[in-house]
């Protein structure tokens, strides 16, 4: 766990405060730094944690992974620490909420081995409109 020294001249660890959620405390911090967009900061952390694929963080000061926003249906979020969805799903595919690829269930992908559409989307059905 990380702490910060809120008052000048503290003499011991007892004078320090636990780094609050929504911020992070590097070594020697006098005040917590606000967690940047695309990341979340739990209580007592030294470094921000990135929002995971399938999510993004468009606000600063997020406190937990659940505060990251799910990528909306029709879009994909394929990386860590995104501040917005990467883009729309590829033509011929549909994406559910929290998609982490632009072409779910694409031929040749590990998801294409499945008989059913994946939990993040799939190929548009023949003759369908996606």
Foldseek 3Di string as FASTA:
>chain_A
DDWAQQDPPDDDPVNTDWQAWQFAAAPHHNHTHGADWQFTGAIRHHHTFGAAWQFTGQDISHGDNVNTHGQAWQFTGAGTSHNHTPGGADPQKTFHTSHNHSAFLDPPDPRVVDPDGDPTIHGADVVGHD
